[in-house]
Amino acid sequence: MTRRHRWPYYATRGDVRGWCGHRHRTLQGAVSCLCSDRGGCRAQGGYSDRAIVRVTGSGPGEYEYVDLDIRSRRMWVECGPDQPAM
């Protein structure tokens, strides 16, 4: 049985942390994944560099970062800051 991939989907990725490995069907699913990653990093004394991307195909570079300016305040409340306070 061949599994078909559906595009677009959402994921989280960072230059250091890499891809989350999930194919989120909704933006809210990706937000939850990002919050979980941030929480795990924060628990270990670090921070996550991941951001939400919209994947549009299977090739390298076939993704775009999702602009969360509208939701940034809500994400901060849900996830807390993505970097530790200095």
N, C-alpha and C. Protein backbone atom coordinates (compact mmCIF):
# COMPACT_ATOMS: atom_id res chain seq x y z
N MET A 1 0.84 -1.18 0.00
CA MET A 1 0.00 0.00 0.00
C MET A 1 0.89 1.25 0.00
N THR A 2 0.68 2.09 -0.96
CA THR A 2 1.44 3.33 -1.06
C THR A 2 0.72 4.44 -0.32
N ARG A 3 1.46 5.17 0.47
CA ARG A 3 0.86 6.26 1.23
C ARG A 3 1.03 7.55 0.45
N ARG A 4 -0.03 8.25 0.22
CA ARG A 4 0.02 9.51 -0.51
C ARG A 4 0.16 10.68 0.47
N HIS A 5 1.00 11.60 0.10
CA HIS A 5 1.18 12.80 0.92
C HIS A 5 0.29 13.89 0.37
N ARG A 6 -0.31 14.62 1.26
CA ARG A 6 -1.18 15.72 0.86
C ARG A 6 -0.52 17.04 1.21
N TRP A 7 -0.53 17.92 0.25
CA TRP A 7 0.00 19.26 0.45
C TRP A 7 -1.11 20.25 0.24
N PRO A 8 -1.11 21.38 0.83
CA PRO A 8 -0.11 21.78 1.82
C PRO A 8 -0.42 21.22 3.20
N TYR A 9 0.57 21.24 4.06
CA TYR A 9 0.39 20.92 5.46
C TYR A 9 1.32 21.83 6.26
N TYR A 10 1.17 21.82 7.57
CA TYR A 10 1.99 22.66 8.45
C TYR A 10 2.97 21.79 9.23
N ALA A 11 4.10 22.38 9.56
CA ALA A 11 5.10 21.72 10.39
C ALA A 11 5.84 22.81 11.15
N THR A 12 6.75 22.40 12.01
CA THR A 12 7.63 23.36 12.67
C THR A 12 9.06 22.99 12.35
N ARG A 13 9.91 24.00 12.17
CA ARG A 13 11.31 23.74 11.87
C ARG A 13 12.17 24.88 12.39
N GLY A 14 13.41 24.57 12.66
CA GLY A 14 14.39 25.56 13.07
C GLY A 14 15.75 25.16 12.52
N ASP A 15 16.62 26.12 12.36
CA ASP A 15 17.95 25.83 11.82
C ASP A 15 18.76 24.91 12.75
N VAL A 16 18.52 25.03 14.06
CA VAL A 16 19.25 24.21 15.03
C VAL A 16 18.43 22.97 15.40
N ARG A 17 17.16 23.16 15.75
CA ARG A 17 16.32 22.05 16.21
C ARG A 17 15.84 21.14 15.08
N GLY A 18 15.85 21.64 13.86
CA GLY A 18 15.41 20.81 12.73
C GLY A 18 13.89 20.75 12.64
N TRP A 19 13.41 19.78 11.87
CA TRP A 19 11.97 19.59 11.65
C TRP A 19 11.34 18.81 12.79
N CYS A 20 10.05 19.05 13.03
CA CYS A 20 9.34 18.33 14.09
C CYS A 20 9.01 16.90 13.68
N GLY A 21 8.90 16.63 12.38
CA GLY A 21 8.58 15.28 11.93
C GLY A 21 7.10 15.00 11.79
N HIS A 22 6.27 16.00 11.99
CA HIS A 22 4.81 15.83 11.88
C HIS A 22 4.29 16.52 10.62
N ARG A 23 3.11 16.10 10.17
CA ARG A 23 2.40 16.74 9.07
C ARG A 23 1.06 17.22 9.62
N HIS A 24 1.05 18.42 10.16
CA HIS A 24 -0.15 18.97 10.79
C HIS A 24 -1.13 19.43 9.72
N ARG A 25 -2.37 19.00 9.82
CA ARG A 25 -3.39 19.41 8.87
C ARG A 25 -3.89 20.81 9.13
N THR A 26 -3.74 21.27 10.38
CA THR A 26 -4.25 22.60 10.74
C THR A 26 -3.14 23.45 11.34
N LEU A 27 -3.34 24.74 11.25
CA LEU A 27 -2.40 25.67 11.86
C LEU A 27 -2.40 25.49 13.37
N GLN A 28 -3.56 25.26 13.96
CA GLN A 28 -3.63 25.07 15.41
C GLN A 28 -2.83 23.85 15.85
N GLY A 29 -2.81 22.80 15.04
CA GLY A 29 -1.99 21.63 15.36
C GLY A 29 -0.51 21.98 15.39
N ALA A 30 -0.09 22.81 14.44
CA ALA A 30 1.30 23.25 14.41
C ALA A 30 1.62 24.15 15.59
N VAL A 31 0.68 25.01 15.98
CA VAL A 31 0.88 25.87 17.16
C VAL A 31 1.06 25.01 18.40
N SER A 32 0.24 23.97 18.56
CA SER A 32 0.36 23.08 19.71
C SER A 32 1.71 22.39 19.73
N CYS A 33 2.17 21.96 18.56
CA CYS A 33 3.48 21.32 18.44
C CYS A 33 4.60 22.28 18.84
N LEU A 34 4.49 23.53 18.36
CA LEU A 34 5.47 24.55 18.69
C LEU A 34 5.49 24.82 20.19
N CYS A 35 4.32 24.91 20.79
CA CYS A 35 4.24 25.14 22.24
C CYS A 35 4.89 23.99 23.01
N SER A 36 4.65 22.77 22.56
CA SER A 36 5.24 21.61 23.22
C SER A 36 6.76 21.63 23.11
N ASP A 37 7.27 21.98 21.94
CA ASP A 37 8.72 22.05 21.76
C ASP A 37 9.33 23.15 22.62
N ARG A 38 8.68 24.30 22.66
CA ARG A 38 9.17 25.39 23.50
C ARG A 38 9.18 24.99 24.96
N GLY A 39 8.12 24.32 25.40
CA GLY A 39 8.05 23.89 26.80
C GLY A 39 9.14 22.89 27.15
N GLY A 40 9.40 21.95 26.25
CA GLY A 40 10.45 20.97 26.49
C GLY A 40 11.83 21.60 26.55
N CYS A 41 12.08 22.53 25.66
CA CYS A 41 13.38 23.22 25.67
C CYS A 41 13.53 24.08 26.93
N ARG A 42 12.44 24.77 27.30
CA ARG A 42 12.47 25.63 28.48
C ARG A 42 12.73 24.80 29.74
N ALA A 43 12.16 23.59 29.80
CA ALA A 43 12.35 22.73 30.97
C ALA A 43 13.81 22.31 31.13
N GLN A 44 14.56 22.32 30.02
CA GLN A 44 15.97 21.95 30.07
C GLN A 44 16.89 23.17 30.13
N GLY A 45 16.28 24.36 30.29
CA GLY A 45 17.07 25.57 30.43
C GLY A 45 17.44 26.24 29.12
N GLY A 46 16.82 25.83 28.03
CA GLY A 46 17.13 26.42 26.73
C GLY A 46 15.91 27.06 26.11
N TYR A 47 15.97 27.27 24.80
CA TYR A 47 14.81 27.78 24.07
C TYR A 47 14.80 27.18 22.68
N SER A 48 13.65 27.16 22.08
CA SER A 48 13.46 26.57 20.76
C SER A 48 13.62 27.63 19.67
N ASP A 49 14.30 27.26 18.59
CA ASP A 49 14.39 28.16 17.44
C ASP A 49 13.37 27.80 16.36
N ARG A 50 12.49 26.86 16.65
CA ARG A 50 11.52 26.44 15.65
C ARG A 50 10.46 27.50 15.39
N ALA A 51 9.98 27.50 14.17
CA ALA A 51 8.88 28.37 13.74
C ALA A 51 7.94 27.51 12.90
N ILE A 52 6.76 28.01 12.66
CA ILE A 52 5.77 27.27 11.88
C ILE A 52 5.99 27.55 10.40
N VAL A 53 5.97 26.47 9.62
CA VAL A 53 6.09 26.58 8.17
C VAL A 53 4.90 25.89 7.51
N ARG A 54 4.58 26.37 6.32
CA ARG A 54 3.54 25.76 5.48
C ARG A 54 4.28 25.04 4.36
N VAL A 55 4.17 23.71 4.32
CA VAL A 55 4.88 22.91 3.33
C VAL A 55 3.97 22.75 2.11
N THR A 56 4.52 23.08 0.94
CA THR A 56 3.72 23.06 -0.29
C THR A 56 4.14 21.98 -1.27
N GLY A 57 5.20 21.24 -0.99
CA GLY A 57 5.66 20.18 -1.87
C GLY A 57 6.76 19.37 -1.23
N SER A 58 7.28 18.39 -1.97
CA SER A 58 8.25 17.46 -1.38
C SER A 58 9.70 17.87 -1.60
N GLY A 59 9.96 18.85 -2.44
CA GLY A 59 11.34 19.24 -2.73
C GLY A 59 11.93 20.15 -1.67
N PRO A 60 13.27 20.24 -1.68
CA PRO A 60 13.91 21.16 -0.73
C PRO A 60 13.46 22.59 -1.01
N GLY A 61 13.18 23.30 0.02
CA GLY A 61 12.76 24.69 -0.13
C GLY A 61 11.30 24.88 -0.51
N GLU A 62 10.54 23.81 -0.55
CA GLU A 62 9.11 23.94 -0.89
C GLU A 62 8.29 24.15 0.38
N TYR A 63 8.65 25.19 1.10
CA TYR A 63 7.92 25.59 2.29
C TYR A 63 8.07 27.09 2.46
N GLU A 64 7.17 27.66 3.25
CA GLU A 64 7.22 29.08 3.54
C GLU A 64 6.89 29.29 5.01
N TYR A 65 7.56 30.26 5.61
CA TYR A 65 7.27 30.56 7.01
C TYR A 65 5.90 31.21 7.11
N VAL A 66 5.16 30.84 8.15
CA VAL A 66 3.82 31.38 8.38
C VAL A 66 3.95 32.66 9.18
N ASP A 67 3.35 33.72 8.70
CA ASP A 67 3.37 35.01 9.39
C ASP A 67 2.35 34.96 10.52
N LEU A 68 2.83 34.98 11.74
CA LEU A 68 1.94 34.88 12.90
C LEU A 68 1.77 36.20 13.63
N ASP A 69 2.03 37.32 12.96
CA ASP A 69 1.90 38.62 13.61
C ASP A 69 0.53 38.80 14.25
N ILE A 70 -0.50 38.39 13.54
CA ILE A 70 -1.87 38.54 14.06
C ILE A 70 -2.06 37.71 15.32
N ARG A 71 -1.44 36.55 15.36
CA ARG A 71 -1.62 35.64 16.49
C ARG A 71 -0.50 35.71 17.51
N SER A 72 0.48 36.59 17.32
CA SER A 72 1.67 36.57 18.18
C SER A 72 1.32 36.76 19.65
N ARG A 73 0.40 37.64 19.93
CA ARG A 73 0.03 37.87 21.32
C ARG A 73 -0.60 36.62 21.93
N ARG A 74 -1.48 35.96 21.18
CA ARG A 74 -2.12 34.74 21.67
C ARG A 74 -1.09 33.63 21.86
N MET A 75 -0.15 33.50 20.91
CA MET A 75 0.87 32.47 21.04
C MET A 75 1.74 32.70 22.26
N TRP A 76 2.06 33.96 22.56
CA TRP A 76 2.87 34.24 23.73
C TRP A 76 2.14 33.79 24.98
N VAL A 77 0.83 34.05 25.04
CA VAL A 77 0.03 33.63 26.20
C VAL A 77 -0.02 32.11 26.28
N GLU A 78 -0.21 31.43 25.13
CA GLU A 78 -0.31 29.97 25.13
C GLU A 78 1.03 29.30 25.44
N CYS A 79 2.10 29.80 24.85
CA CYS A 79 3.40 29.11 24.93
C CYS A 79 4.37 29.75 25.89
N GLY A 80 4.19 31.01 26.20
CA GLY A 80 5.20 31.74 26.94
C GLY A 80 6.26 32.23 25.96
N PRO A 81 7.18 33.02 26.41
CA PRO A 81 8.22 33.56 25.52
C PRO A 81 9.08 32.43 24.97
N ASP A 82 9.57 32.59 23.74
CA ASP A 82 10.39 31.53 23.14
C ASP A 82 11.86 31.62 23.55
N GLN A 83 12.25 32.66 24.26
CA GLN A 83 13.62 32.77 24.75
C GLN A 83 13.58 33.08 26.24
N PRO A 84 14.56 32.59 26.96
CA PRO A 84 14.59 32.86 28.40
C PRO A 84 14.83 34.34 28.67
N ALA A 85 14.27 34.83 29.76
CA ALA A 85 14.48 36.22 30.15
C ALA A 85 15.92 36.42 30.55
N MET A 86 16.50 37.53 30.16
CA MET A 86 17.91 37.82 30.48
C MET A 86 18.00 38.64 31.75
